[in-house]
């Protein structure tokens, strides 16, 4: 195990890489701890959780809502949890998002940490302090920005991660390469999903590289007034598609990235050959690059996106692979191109 410290405006977050979950006991010492996880993970790893206070929630994005939050709070109250309680979110992005949100609002705030167990949570969802829930088809519409005390990376949890969730997580890895790291893009072109699954050192290095990329962006703009918005590449259209079609987050972001590449070609002088490279890379990691959809319905949901300001949307477009920019696009202009890009 090795530790890295990342200093945000609110606090320093300790990341423990290549750690063993058994070491959580030493980290927590005498803290009154409650672990929040989903039913699938509990069933897979019940022996690791023996002796802990555990709250189980239903697994799946459809349960990332206020009802689930209320049910957790009710259980915390029954347990006698107080201001000194420490919450640990053990799971994928849904679990970490909900745990961070509950920690922010329970008794006006308790401390929390994360043990991400999926690729997506390890490289994206657990990092940066964004915690929240969905409201109907509107993604992450309610939430907070509040940093955890720690993020604990035990890569052995990946051994039970379904292949579809490996695929799901690589969308965010490819996103980081597209907006911030051309060299990482070339590395991803060199390897395959199977090679990353089979080589524990290779995947550990990839995860830590992506943690560095996202953390650097967030440290420079924790409350998303500037460059942190770049992390939304592929998400504006992706979020709308995700909830309308009920597909995994990474799949929707992949489709959203292709749409953003197409729009970058049309509006931002992004080279069509580079757009084609991105499509090939997404396909290489078994991610979808298009979808049959109702464009009018997608556009209606998109209009409620959090990044909307006035009569337009702050859209993330590419200049080159590894360099992106925030561009304000009017809804009228976006609608003109919409059927051509999605």
C-alpha atoms as a PDB file:
ATOM      1  CA  UNK A   1       0.000   0.000   0.000  1.00  0.00           C
ATOM      2  CA  UNK A   2       1.128   3.549  -0.677  1.00  0.00           C
ATOM      3  CA  UNK A   3      -0.495   6.841   0.186  1.00  0.00           C
ATOM      4  CA  UNK A   4      -0.919  10.011  -1.868  1.00  0.00           C
ATOM      5  CA  UNK A   5      -2.216  13.282  -0.430  1.00  0.00           C
ATOM      6  CA  UNK A   6      -4.336  15.631  -2.523  1.00  0.00           C
ATOM      7  CA  UNK A   7      -5.037  19.085  -1.085  1.00  0.00           C
ATOM      8  CA  UNK A   8      -8.366  20.660  -1.992  1.00  0.00           C
ATOM      9  CA  UNK A   9      -9.833  23.933  -0.755  1.00  0.00           C
ATOM     10  CA  UNK A  10     -11.840  22.145   1.915  1.00  0.00           C
ATOM     11  CA  UNK A  11      -9.320  19.592   3.124  1.00  0.00           C
ATOM     12  CA  UNK A  12      -6.543  17.170   2.245  1.00  0.00           C
ATOM     13  CA  UNK A  13      -7.842  13.844   0.962  1.00  0.00           C
ATOM     14  CA  UNK A  14      -5.680  10.770   1.503  1.00  0.00           C
ATOM     15  CA  UNK A  15      -5.731   8.164  -1.260  1.00  0.00           C
ATOM     16  CA  UNK A  16      -4.502   4.714  -0.263  1.00  0.00           C
ATOM     17  CA  UNK A  17      -3.508   2.776  -3.380  1.00  0.00           C
ATOM     18  CA  UNK A  18      -3.038  -0.993  -3.674  1.00  0.00           C
ATOM     19  CA  UNK A  19      -4.555  -1.352  -0.208  1.00  0.00           C
ATOM     20  CA  UNK A  20      -6.181  -4.294   1.570  1.00  0.00           C
ATOM     21  CA  UNK A  21      -9.704  -3.750   2.882  1.00  0.00           C
ATOM     22  CA  UNK A  22      -8.692  -5.438   6.143  1.00  0.00           C
ATOM     23  CA  UNK A  23      -6.530  -2.360   6.777  1.00  0.00           C
ATOM     24  CA  UNK A  24      -9.655  -0.192   7.105  1.00  0.00           C
ATOM     25  CA  UNK A  25      -9.834  -1.257  10.783  1.00  0.00           C
ATOM     26  CA  UNK A  26      -6.446   0.341  11.462  1.00  0.00           C
ATOM     27  CA  UNK A  27      -7.413   3.459   9.539  1.00  0.00           C
ATOM     28  CA  UNK A  28     -10.689   3.907  11.430  1.00  0.00           C
ATOM     29  CA  UNK A  29      -9.333   2.917  14.856  1.00  0.00           C
ATOM     30  CA  UNK A  30     -12.114   3.688  17.359  1.00  0.00           C
ATOM     31  CA  UNK A  31     -14.407   5.679  15.023  1.00  0.00           C
ATOM     32  CA  UNK A  32     -18.127   4.769  15.220  1.00  0.00           C
ATOM     33  CA  UNK A  33     -18.359   3.533  11.656  1.00  0.00           C
ATOM     34  CA  UNK A  34     -21.246   2.578   9.381  1.00  0.00           C
ATOM     35  CA  UNK A  35     -20.611   1.024   5.968  1.00  0.00           C
ATOM     36  CA  UNK A  36     -23.117   1.719   3.196  1.00  0.00           C
ATOM     37  CA  UNK A  37     -23.059  -0.760   0.319  1.00  0.00           C
ATOM     38  CA  UNK A  38     -25.442  -2.384  -2.141  1.00  0.00           C
ATOM     39  CA  UNK A  39     -27.008  -5.824  -1.909  1.00  0.00           C
ATOM     40  CA  UNK A  40     -24.894  -7.331  -4.694  1.00  0.00           C
ATOM     41  CA  UNK A  41     -21.610  -6.302  -3.095  1.00  0.00           C
ATOM     42  CA  UNK A  42     -22.749  -7.411   0.342  1.00  0.00           C
ATOM     43  CA  UNK A  43     -23.594 -10.864  -0.979  1.00  0.00           C
ATOM     44  CA  UNK A  44     -20.205 -11.123  -2.731  1.00  0.00           C
ATOM     45  CA  UNK A  45     -18.102  -9.836   0.166  1.00  0.00           C
ATOM     46  CA  UNK A  46     -20.089 -10.585   3.319  1.00  0.00           C
ATOM     47  CA  UNK A  47     -17.036 -12.130   4.999  1.00  0.00           C
ATOM     48  CA  UNK A  48     -15.041  -8.902   4.612  1.00  0.00           C
ATOM     49  CA  UNK A  49     -17.873  -6.935   6.231  1.00  0.00           C
ATOM     50  CA  UNK A  50     -18.321  -9.224   9.226  1.00  0.00           C
ATOM     51  CA  UNK A  51     -18.247  -7.232  12.458  1.00  0.00           C
ATOM     52  CA  UNK A  52     -19.188  -3.895  10.850  1.00  0.00           C
ATOM     53  CA  UNK A  53     -22.431  -1.977  11.080  1.00  0.00           C
ATOM     54  CA  UNK A  54     -23.743  -2.219   7.508  1.00  0.00           C
ATOM     55  CA  UNK A  55     -26.622  -0.561   5.679  1.00  0.00           C
ATOM     56  CA  UNK A  56     -27.555  -2.295   2.420  1.00  0.00           C
ATOM     57  CA  UNK A  57     -29.314  -0.521  -0.431  1.00  0.00           C
ATOM     58  CA  UNK A  58     -30.788  -1.859  -3.656  1.00  0.00           C
ATOM     59  CA  UNK A  59     -28.296  -2.029  -6.527  1.00  0.00           C
ATOM     60  CA  UNK A  60     -28.761   0.127  -9.633  1.00  0.00           C
ATOM     61  CA  UNK A  61     -28.965   3.693 -10.906  1.00  0.00           C
ATOM     62  CA  UNK A  62     -32.758   3.658 -10.581  1.00  0.00           C
ATOM     63  CA  UNK A  63     -32.307   3.640  -6.784  1.00  0.00           C
ATOM     64  CA  UNK A  64     -30.102   6.734  -6.740  1.00  0.00           C
ATOM     65  CA  UNK A  65     -32.945   8.876  -5.445  1.00  0.00           C
ATOM     66  CA  UNK A  66     -34.362  10.629  -2.384  1.00  0.00           C
ATOM     67  CA  UNK A  67     -36.316   7.556  -1.290  1.00  0.00           C
ATOM     68  CA  UNK A  68     -33.057   5.614  -0.867  1.00  0.00           C
ATOM     69  CA  UNK A  69     -31.475   8.540   0.984  1.00  0.00           C
ATOM     70  CA  UNK A  70     -34.454   8.715   3.365  1.00  0.00           C
ATOM     71  CA  UNK A  71     -34.285   4.978   4.028  1.00  0.00           C
ATOM     72  CA  UNK A  72     -30.569   5.223   4.911  1.00  0.00           C
ATOM     73  CA  UNK A  73     -31.216   8.144   7.267  1.00  0.00           C
ATOM     74  CA  UNK A  74     -33.991   6.191   8.990  1.00  0.00           C
ATOM     75  CA  UNK A  75     -31.593   3.264   9.535  1.00  0.00           C
ATOM     76  CA  UNK A  76     -28.900   5.595  10.873  1.00  0.00           C
ATOM     77  CA  UNK A  77     -31.380   7.016  13.372  1.00  0.00           C
ATOM     78  CA  UNK A  78     -32.407   3.508  14.490  1.00  0.00           C
ATOM     79  CA  UNK A  79     -28.724   2.642  14.964  1.00  0.00           C
ATOM     80  CA  UNK A  80     -28.205   5.718  17.127  1.00  0.00           C
ATOM     81  CA  UNK A  81     -25.784   7.367  14.690  1.00  0.00           C
ATOM     82  CA  UNK A  82     -24.745  10.861  15.782  1.00  0.00           C
ATOM     83  CA  UNK A  83     -22.493  13.757  14.712  1.00  0.00           C
ATOM     84  CA  UNK A  84     -19.409  11.634  15.419  1.00  0.00           C
ATOM     85  CA  UNK A  85     -20.496   8.786  13.169  1.00  0.00           C
ATOM     86  CA  UNK A  86     -18.198   8.037  10.212  1.00  0.00           C
ATOM     87  CA  UNK A  87     -19.798   6.742   6.995  1.00  0.00           C
ATOM     88  CA  UNK A  88     -17.942   4.573   4.481  1.00  0.00           C
ATOM     89  CA  UNK A  89     -19.372   4.118   0.988  1.00  0.00           C
ATOM     90  CA  UNK A  90     -18.249   0.735  -0.344  1.00  0.00           C
ATOM     91  CA  UNK A  91     -19.314   0.236  -3.937  1.00  0.00           C
ATOM     92  CA  UNK A  92     -19.628   1.774  -7.358  1.00  0.00           C
ATOM     93  CA  UNK A  93     -20.645   5.274  -8.351  1.00  0.00           C
ATOM     94  CA  UNK A  94     -24.227   4.994  -7.110  1.00  0.00           C
ATOM     95  CA  UNK A  95     -23.084   3.984  -3.622  1.00  0.00           C
ATOM     96  CA  UNK A  96     -20.362   6.623  -3.381  1.00  0.00           C
ATOM     97  CA  UNK A  97     -22.684   9.377  -4.657  1.00  0.00           C
ATOM     98  CA  UNK A  98     -25.418   8.473  -2.174  1.00  0.00           C
ATOM     99  CA  UNK A  99     -23.039   7.997   0.760  1.00  0.00           C
ATOM    100  CA  UNK A 100     -21.397  11.368   0.218  1.00  0.00           C
ATOM    101  CA  UNK A 101     -24.786  13.044  -0.044  1.00  0.00           C
ATOM    102  CA  UNK A 102     -26.152  11.393   3.110  1.00  0.00           C
ATOM    103  CA  UNK A 103     -22.958  12.359   4.964  1.00  0.00           C
ATOM    104  CA  UNK A 104     -23.445  15.990   3.904  1.00  0.00           C
ATOM    105  CA  UNK A 105     -27.023  16.248   5.165  1.00  0.00           C
ATOM    106  CA  UNK A 106     -27.218  13.861   8.136  1.00  0.00           C
ATOM    107  CA  UNK A 107     -27.186  16.019  11.280  1.00  0.00           C
ATOM    108  CA  UNK A 108     -25.856  18.804   9.015  1.00  0.00           C
ATOM    109  CA  UNK A 109     -22.734  16.860   8.150  1.00  0.00           C
ATOM    110  CA  UNK A 110     -20.679  13.854   9.288  1.00  0.00           C
ATOM    111  CA  UNK A 111     -17.292  12.604   8.091  1.00  0.00           C
ATOM    112  CA  UNK A 112     -17.095   9.991   5.359  1.00  0.00           C
ATOM    113  CA  UNK A 113     -14.720   7.988   3.177  1.00  0.00           C
ATOM    114  CA  UNK A 114     -14.959   5.802   0.093  1.00  0.00           C
ATOM    115  CA  UNK A 115     -13.906   2.298  -0.875  1.00  0.00           C
ATOM    116  CA  UNK A 116     -14.653   2.313  -4.628  1.00  0.00           C
ATOM    117  CA  UNK A 117     -15.125  -1.175  -6.059  1.00  0.00           C
ATOM    118  CA  UNK A 118     -15.717  -0.508  -9.780  1.00  0.00           C
ATOM    119  CA  UNK A 119     -13.461   0.966 -12.453  1.00  0.00           C
ATOM    120  CA  UNK A 120     -15.883   3.872 -12.910  1.00  0.00           C
ATOM    121  CA  UNK A 121     -15.905   4.701  -9.199  1.00  0.00           C
ATOM    122  CA  UNK A 122     -12.127   4.321  -8.886  1.00  0.00           C
ATOM    123  CA  UNK A 123     -11.264   6.696 -11.733  1.00  0.00           C
ATOM    124  CA  UNK A 124     -14.199   9.089 -11.587  1.00  0.00           C
ATOM    125  CA  UNK A 125     -17.218   8.895  -9.264  1.00  0.00           C
ATOM    126  CA  UNK A 126     -15.321   8.678  -5.961  1.00  0.00           C
ATOM    127  CA  UNK A 127     -13.004  11.576  -6.862  1.00  0.00           C
ATOM    128  CA  UNK A 128     -13.705  15.273  -6.607  1.00  0.00           C
ATOM    129  CA  UNK A 129     -16.356  15.599  -3.905  1.00  0.00           C
ATOM    130  CA  UNK A 130     -19.472  15.655  -6.096  1.00  0.00           C
ATOM    131  CA  UNK A 131     -22.202  13.697  -4.328  1.00  0.00           C
ATOM    132  CA  UNK A 132     -25.873  13.573  -5.165  1.00  0.00           C
ATOM    133  CA  UNK A 133     -28.981  11.917  -6.505  1.00  0.00           C
ATOM    134  CA  UNK A 134     -31.170  11.896  -9.605  1.00  0.00           C
ATOM    135  CA  UNK A 135     -34.657  13.364  -9.922  1.00  0.00           C
ATOM    136  CA  UNK A 136     -36.612  11.296 -12.436  1.00  0.00           C
ATOM    137  CA  UNK A 137     -34.782  11.435 -15.779  1.00  0.00           C
ATOM    138  CA  UNK A 138     -32.602  14.345 -14.624  1.00  0.00           C
ATOM    139  CA  UNK A 139     -29.148  13.150 -13.580  1.00  0.00           C
ATOM    140  CA  UNK A 140     -27.439  14.439 -10.404  1.00  0.00           C
ATOM    141  CA  UNK A 141     -29.932  17.277 -10.083  1.00  0.00           C
ATOM    142  CA  UNK A 142     -29.621  17.430  -6.269  1.00  0.00           C
ATOM    143  CA  UNK A 143     -26.319  17.235  -4.455  1.00  0.00           C
ATOM    144  CA  UNK A 144     -23.308  18.769  -2.766  1.00  0.00           C
ATOM    145  CA  UNK A 145     -19.594  19.288  -3.318  1.00  0.00           C
ATOM    146  CA  UNK A 146     -17.862  17.959  -0.213  1.00  0.00           C
ATOM    147  CA  UNK A 147     -14.618  16.033  -0.025  1.00  0.00           C
ATOM    148  CA  UNK A 148     -14.213  12.644   1.709  1.00  0.00           C
ATOM    149  CA  UNK A 149     -11.556  12.063   4.359  1.00  0.00           C
ATOM    150  CA  UNK A 150     -10.024   9.273   2.283  1.00  0.00           C
ATOM    151  CA  UNK A 151     -10.402   7.049  -0.778  1.00  0.00           C
ATOM    152  CA  UNK A 152      -9.251   3.470  -0.215  1.00  0.00           C
ATOM    153  CA  UNK A 153      -8.249   1.489  -3.314  1.00  0.00           C
ATOM    154  CA  UNK A 154      -8.389  -2.277  -2.864  1.00  0.00           C
ATOM    155  CA  UNK A 155      -7.970  -3.640  -6.390  1.00  0.00           C
ATOM    156  CA  UNK A 156      -9.024  -7.149  -5.317  1.00  0.00           C
ATOM    157  CA  UNK A 157     -12.657  -5.976  -5.549  1.00  0.00           C
ATOM    158  CA  UNK A 158     -12.165  -5.848  -9.324  1.00  0.00           C
ATOM    159  CA  UNK A 159     -11.911  -9.659  -9.370  1.00  0.00           C
ATOM    160  CA  UNK A 160     -15.678  -9.881  -8.889  1.00  0.00           C
ATOM    161  CA  UNK A 161     -16.508  -6.952 -11.176  1.00  0.00           C
ATOM    162  CA  UNK A 162     -18.612  -8.082 -14.166  1.00  0.00           C
ATOM    163  CA  UNK A 163     -17.084  -7.515 -17.607  1.00  0.00           C
ATOM    164  CA  UNK A 164     -19.878  -5.067 -18.486  1.00  0.00           C
ATOM    165  CA  UNK A 165     -18.767  -2.884 -15.564  1.00  0.00           C
ATOM    166  CA  UNK A 166     -15.165  -2.932 -16.770  1.00  0.00           C
ATOM    167  CA  UNK A 167     -16.462  -1.669 -20.109  1.00  0.00           C
ATOM    168  CA  UNK A 168     -18.609   0.929 -18.341  1.00  0.00           C
ATOM    169  CA  UNK A 169     -15.620   2.353 -16.457  1.00  0.00           C
ATOM    170  CA  UNK A 170     -13.352   2.654 -19.476  1.00  0.00           C
ATOM    171  CA  UNK A 171     -15.607   5.356 -20.932  1.00  0.00           C
ATOM    172  CA  UNK A 172     -14.407   7.746 -18.219  1.00  0.00           C
ATOM    173  CA  UNK A 173     -10.778   6.700 -18.753  1.00  0.00           C
ATOM    174  CA  UNK A 174     -11.070   7.415 -22.482  1.00  0.00           C
ATOM    175  CA  UNK A 175     -12.764  10.725 -21.632  1.00  0.00           C
ATOM    176  CA  UNK A 176      -9.754  11.777 -19.521  1.00  0.00           C
ATOM    177  CA  UNK A 177      -7.424  10.924 -22.395  1.00  0.00           C
ATOM    178  CA  UNK A 178      -9.532  12.912 -24.876  1.00  0.00           C
ATOM    179  CA  UNK A 179      -9.620  16.104 -22.817  1.00  0.00           C
ATOM    180  CA  UNK A 180      -6.268  16.070 -20.999  1.00  0.00           C
ATOM    181  CA  UNK A 181      -3.748  13.425 -22.035  1.00  0.00           C
ATOM    182  CA  UNK A 182      -2.873  12.570 -25.627  1.00  0.00           C
ATOM    183  CA  UNK A 183      -0.144  10.176 -24.444  1.00  0.00           C
ATOM    184  CA  UNK A 184      -2.696   8.231 -22.397  1.00  0.00           C
ATOM    185  CA  UNK A 185      -4.851   8.020 -25.530  1.00  0.00           C
ATOM    186  CA  UNK A 186      -1.927   6.389 -27.369  1.00  0.00           C
ATOM    187  CA  UNK A 187      -1.356   3.962 -24.474  1.00  0.00           C
ATOM    188  CA  UNK A 188      -5.024   2.928 -24.607  1.00  0.00           C
ATOM    189  CA  UNK A 189      -4.681   2.324 -28.359  1.00  0.00           C
ATOM    190  CA  UNK A 190      -1.811  -0.058 -27.586  1.00  0.00           C
ATOM    191  CA  UNK A 191      -3.659  -2.289 -25.118  1.00  0.00           C
ATOM    192  CA  UNK A 192      -7.031  -4.040 -24.916  1.00  0.00           C
ATOM    193  CA  UNK A 193      -9.655  -4.495 -22.230  1.00  0.00           C
ATOM    194  CA  UNK A 194      -8.616  -8.127 -21.810  1.00  0.00           C
ATOM    195  CA  UNK A 195      -4.991  -7.134 -21.215  1.00  0.00           C
ATOM    196  CA  UNK A 196      -5.993  -4.672 -18.497  1.00  0.00           C
ATOM    197  CA  UNK A 197      -8.213  -7.299 -16.866  1.00  0.00           C
ATOM    198  CA  UNK A 198      -5.419  -9.867 -16.916  1.00  0.00           C
ATOM    199  CA  UNK A 199      -2.572  -7.668 -15.629  1.00  0.00           C
ATOM    200  CA  UNK A 200      -2.994  -6.293 -12.095  1.00  0.00           C
ATOM    201  CA  UNK A 201       0.022  -3.981 -12.417  1.00  0.00           C
ATOM    202  CA  UNK A 202      -1.219  -2.551 -15.706  1.00  0.00           C
ATOM    203  CA  UNK A 203      -4.679  -1.722 -14.339  1.00  0.00           C
ATOM    204  CA  UNK A 204      -3.261  -0.329 -11.074  1.00  0.00           C
ATOM    205  CA  UNK A 205      -0.997   2.047 -13.021  1.00  0.00           C
ATOM    206  CA  UNK A 206      -3.914   3.090 -15.260  1.00  0.00           C
ATOM    207  CA  UNK A 207      -6.199   3.800 -12.310  1.00  0.00           C
ATOM    208  CA  UNK A 208      -3.574   5.891 -10.503  1.00  0.00           C
ATOM    209  CA  UNK A 209      -2.840   7.866 -13.662  1.00  0.00           C
ATOM    210  CA  UNK A 210      -6.524   8.678 -14.043  1.00  0.00           C
ATOM    211  CA  UNK A 211      -6.835   9.635 -10.373  1.00  0.00           C
ATOM    212  CA  UNK A 212      -3.994  12.115 -10.939  1.00  0.00           C
ATOM    213  CA  UNK A 213      -5.672  13.558 -14.049  1.00  0.00           C
ATOM    214  CA  UNK A 214      -9.084  14.098 -12.476  1.00  0.00           C
ATOM    215  CA  UNK A 215      -7.713  15.282  -9.139  1.00  0.00           C
ATOM    216  CA  UNK A 216      -5.476  17.880 -10.804  1.00  0.00           C
ATOM    217  CA  UNK A 217      -8.474  19.312 -12.655  1.00  0.00           C
ATOM    218  CA  UNK A 218     -10.620  19.436  -9.510  1.00  0.00           C
ATOM    219  CA  UNK A 219      -7.921  20.976  -7.310  1.00  0.00           C
ATOM    220  CA  UNK A 220      -7.614  23.846  -9.792  1.00  0.00           C
ATOM    221  CA  UNK A 221     -11.384  24.372  -9.940  1.00  0.00           C
ATOM    222  CA  UNK A 222     -13.128  22.589  -7.081  1.00  0.00           C
ATOM    223  CA  UNK A 223     -16.502  24.303  -7.448  1.00  0.00           C
ATOM    224  CA  UNK A 224     -16.695  24.098 -11.248  1.00  0.00           C
ATOM    225  CA  UNK A 225     -16.396  27.717 -12.292  1.00  0.00           C
ATOM    226  CA  UNK A 226     -13.944  26.949 -15.105  1.00  0.00           C
ATOM    227  CA  UNK A 227     -11.820  23.977 -16.179  1.00  0.00           C
ATOM    228  CA  UNK A 228     -13.648  21.369 -14.090  1.00  0.00           C
ATOM    229  CA  UNK A 229     -16.443  21.678 -16.640  1.00  0.00           C
ATOM    230  CA  UNK A 230     -14.119  19.926 -19.112  1.00  0.00           C
ATOM    231  CA  UNK A 231     -14.829  16.711 -17.201  1.00  0.00           C
ATOM    232  CA  UNK A 232     -18.365  16.909 -18.604  1.00  0.00           C
ATOM    233  CA  UNK A 233     -17.111  15.941 -22.075  1.00  0.00           C
ATOM    234  CA  UNK A 234     -19.720  13.531 -23.471  1.00  0.00           C
ATOM    235  CA  UNK A 235     -22.023  13.994 -20.487  1.00  0.00           C
ATOM    236  CA  UNK A 236     -24.435  16.666 -21.727  1.00  0.00           C
ATOM    237  CA  UNK A 237     -26.045  14.410 -24.319  1.00  0.00           C
ATOM    238  CA  UNK A 238     -24.902  11.277 -22.479  1.00  0.00           C
ATOM    239  CA  UNK A 239     -26.920  12.000 -19.338  1.00  0.00           C
ATOM    240  CA  UNK A 240     -30.092  12.546 -21.358  1.00  0.00           C
ATOM    241  CA  UNK A 241     -29.591   9.271 -23.240  1.00  0.00           C
ATOM    242  CA  UNK A 242     -28.676   7.380 -20.064  1.00  0.00           C
ATOM    243  CA  UNK A 243     -31.898   7.953 -18.233  1.00  0.00           C
ATOM    244  CA  UNK A 244     -34.219   7.891 -21.245  1.00  0.00           C
ATOM    245  CA  UNK A 245     -32.862   4.506 -22.359  1.00  0.00           C
ATOM    246  CA  UNK A 246     -31.882   3.093 -18.971  1.00  0.00           C
ATOM    247  CA  UNK A 247     -28.405   2.190 -20.225  1.00  0.00           C
ATOM    248  CA  UNK A 248     -25.206   2.185 -18.109  1.00  0.00           C
ATOM    249  CA  UNK A 249     -23.519   5.528 -17.479  1.00  0.00           C
ATOM    250  CA  UNK A 250     -20.338   4.690 -19.393  1.00  0.00           C
ATOM    251  CA  UNK A 251     -22.292   3.489 -22.432  1.00  0.00           C
ATOM    252  CA  UNK A 252     -24.271   6.728 -22.509  1.00  0.00           C
ATOM    253  CA  UNK A 253     -21.133   8.847 -22.056  1.00  0.00           C
ATOM    254  CA  UNK A 254     -19.494   6.955 -24.918  1.00  0.00           C
ATOM    255  CA  UNK A 255     -22.398   7.835 -27.218  1.00  0.00           C
ATOM    256  CA  UNK A 256     -22.262  11.397 -25.873  1.00  0.00           C
ATOM    257  CA  UNK A 257     -18.536  11.640 -26.637  1.00  0.00           C
ATOM    258  CA  UNK A 258     -19.125  10.570 -30.237  1.00  0.00           C
ATOM    259  CA  UNK A 259     -21.814  13.270 -30.532  1.00  0.00           C
ATOM    260  CA  UNK A 260     -19.442  15.829 -28.985  1.00  0.00           C
ATOM    261  CA  UNK A 261     -16.700  14.782 -31.444  1.00  0.00           C
ATOM    262  CA  UNK A 262     -19.102  15.231 -34.360  1.00  0.00           C
ATOM    263  CA  UNK A 263     -20.091  18.659 -33.062  1.00  0.00           C
ATOM    264  CA  UNK A 264     -16.397  19.535 -32.573  1.00  0.00           C
ATOM    265  CA  UNK A 265     -15.774  18.728 -36.252  1.00  0.00           C
ATOM    266  CA  UNK A 266     -18.655  20.963 -37.319  1.00  0.00           C
ATOM    267  CA  UNK A 267     -18.137  23.890 -34.970  1.00  0.00           C
ATOM    268  CA  UNK A 268     -14.563  23.766 -33.672  1.00  0.00           C
ATOM    269  CA  UNK A 269     -12.255  22.744 -36.534  1.00  0.00           C
ATOM    270  CA  UNK A 270     -11.606  19.390 -34.874  1.00  0.00           C
ATOM    271  CA  UNK A 271     -10.085  17.043 -37.442  1.00  0.00           C
ATOM    272  CA  UNK A 272     -12.447  14.349 -38.722  1.00  0.00           C
ATOM    273  CA  UNK A 273      -9.597  11.798 -38.671  1.00  0.00           C
ATOM    274  CA  UNK A 274      -9.129  12.396 -34.929  1.00  0.00           C
ATOM    275  CA  UNK A 275     -12.860  12.019 -34.372  1.00  0.00           C
ATOM    276  CA  UNK A 276     -12.662   8.672 -36.173  1.00  0.00           C
ATOM    277  CA  UNK A 277      -9.741   7.632 -33.912  1.00  0.00           C
ATOM    278  CA  UNK A 278     -11.877   8.270 -30.836  1.00  0.00           C
ATOM    279  CA  UNK A 279     -14.768   6.247 -32.261  1.00  0.00           C
ATOM    280  CA  UNK A 280     -12.360   3.360 -32.982  1.00  0.00           C
ATOM    281  CA  UNK A 281     -10.930   3.506 -29.456  1.00  0.00           C
ATOM    282  CA  UNK A 282     -14.363   3.428 -27.866  1.00  0.00           C
ATOM    283  CA  UNK A 283     -15.301   0.432 -30.018  1.00  0.00           C
ATOM    284  CA  UNK A 284     -11.963  -1.229 -29.107  1.00  0.00           C
ATOM    285  CA  UNK A 285     -13.097  -1.213 -25.469  1.00  0.00           C
ATOM    286  CA  UNK A 286     -16.549  -2.572 -26.443  1.00  0.00           C
ATOM    287  CA  UNK A 287     -18.386   0.704 -25.836  1.00  0.00           C
ATOM    288  CA  UNK A 288     -21.378   1.684 -28.013  1.00  0.00           C
ATOM    289  CA  UNK A 289     -20.870   4.581 -30.438  1.00  0.00           C
ATOM    290  CA  UNK A 290     -24.470   5.192 -31.538  1.00  0.00           C
ATOM    291  CA  UNK A 291     -28.048   4.578 -30.451  1.00  0.00           C
ATOM    292  CA  UNK A 292     -31.516   4.491 -31.975  1.00  0.00           C
ATOM    293  CA  UNK A 293     -33.360   7.200 -30.084  1.00  0.00           C
ATOM    294  CA  UNK A 294     -36.130   9.775 -30.113  1.00  0.00           C
ATOM    295  CA  UNK A 295     -34.111  12.928 -30.798  1.00  0.00           C
ATOM    296  CA  UNK A 296     -36.920  15.231 -29.677  1.00  0.00           C
ATOM    297  CA  UNK A 297     -37.169  13.535 -26.271  1.00  0.00           C
ATOM    298  CA  UNK A 298     -33.393  13.570 -25.788  1.00  0.00           C
ATOM    299  CA  UNK A 299     -33.290  17.262 -26.622  1.00  0.00           C
ATOM    300  CA  UNK A 300     -36.089  18.037 -24.145  1.00  0.00           C
ATOM    301  CA  UNK A 301     -34.133  16.377 -21.319  1.00  0.00           C
ATOM    302  CA  UNK A 302     -30.915  18.066 -22.456  1.00  0.00           C
ATOM    303  CA  UNK A 303     -32.585  21.462 -22.083  1.00  0.00           C
ATOM    304  CA  UNK A 304     -32.834  20.827 -18.330  1.00  0.00           C
ATOM    305  CA  UNK A 305     -29.133  20.024 -18.011  1.00  0.00           C
ATOM    306  CA  UNK A 306     -27.339  21.733 -15.094  1.00  0.00           C
ATOM    307  CA  UNK A 307     -24.879  23.275 -17.557  1.00  0.00           C
ATOM    308  CA  UNK A 308     -27.611  25.259 -19.271  1.00  0.00           C
ATOM    309  CA  UNK A 309     -27.321  29.026 -18.910  1.00  0.00           C
ATOM    310  CA  UNK A 310     -30.019  31.205 -20.440  1.00  0.00           C
ATOM    311  CA  UNK A 311     -30.856  30.055 -23.948  1.00  0.00           C
ATOM    312  CA  UNK A 312     -27.775  27.896 -24.383  1.00  0.00           C
ATOM    313  CA  UNK A 313     -25.563  25.150 -22.989  1.00  0.00           C
ATOM    314  CA  UNK A 314     -21.905  25.184 -21.994  1.00  0.00           C
ATOM    315  CA  UNK A 315     -20.734  22.349 -24.224  1.00  0.00           C
ATOM    316  CA  UNK A 316     -17.332  20.645 -24.090  1.00  0.00           C
ATOM    317  CA  UNK A 317     -15.695  20.442 -27.518  1.00  0.00           C
ATOM    318  CA  UNK A 318     -12.286  19.135 -28.598  1.00  0.00           C
ATOM    319  CA  UNK A 319      -9.557  21.158 -30.302  1.00  0.00           C
ATOM    320  CA  UNK A 320      -7.245  18.163 -30.606  1.00  0.00           C
ATOM    321  CA  UNK A 321      -7.020  14.809 -28.851  1.00  0.00           C
ATOM    322  CA  UNK A 322      -5.845  15.763 -25.360  1.00  0.00           C
ATOM    323  CA  UNK A 323      -7.102  19.347 -25.464  1.00  0.00           C
ATOM    324  CA  UNK A 324     -10.687  20.496 -24.925  1.00  0.00           C
ATOM    325  CA  UNK A 325     -12.506  23.767 -24.416  1.00  0.00           C
ATOM    326  CA  UNK A 326     -15.775  25.039 -22.992  1.00  0.00           C
ATOM    327  CA  UNK A 327     -17.961  26.561 -25.678  1.00  0.00           C
ATOM    328  CA  UNK A 328     -21.332  28.233 -25.214  1.00  0.00           C
ATOM    329  CA  UNK A 329     -23.778  26.956 -27.837  1.00  0.00           C
ATOM    330  CA  UNK A 330     -27.277  28.332 -28.152  1.00  0.00           C
ATOM    331  CA  UNK A 331     -30.068  25.784 -27.947  1.00  0.00           C
ATOM    332  CA  UNK A 332     -31.190  26.961 -31.376  1.00  0.00           C
ATOM    333  CA  UNK A 333     -27.793  26.163 -32.932  1.00  0.00           C
ATOM    334  CA  UNK A 334     -27.542  22.885 -31.061  1.00  0.00           C
ATOM    335  CA  UNK A 335     -30.964  21.809 -32.264  1.00  0.00           C
ATOM    336  CA  UNK A 336     -29.953  22.518 -35.884  1.00  0.00           C
ATOM    337  CA  UNK A 337     -27.080  20.036 -35.621  1.00  0.00           C
ATOM    338  CA  UNK A 338     -28.692  17.581 -33.225  1.00  0.00           C
ATOM    339  CA  UNK A 339     -29.951  14.870 -35.573  1.00  0.00           C
ATOM    340  CA  UNK A 340     -26.660  14.949 -37.501  1.00  0.00           C
ATOM    341  CA  UNK A 341     -24.439  14.420 -34.445  1.00  0.00           C
ATOM    342  CA  UNK A 342     -26.397  11.859 -32.368  1.00  0.00           C
END
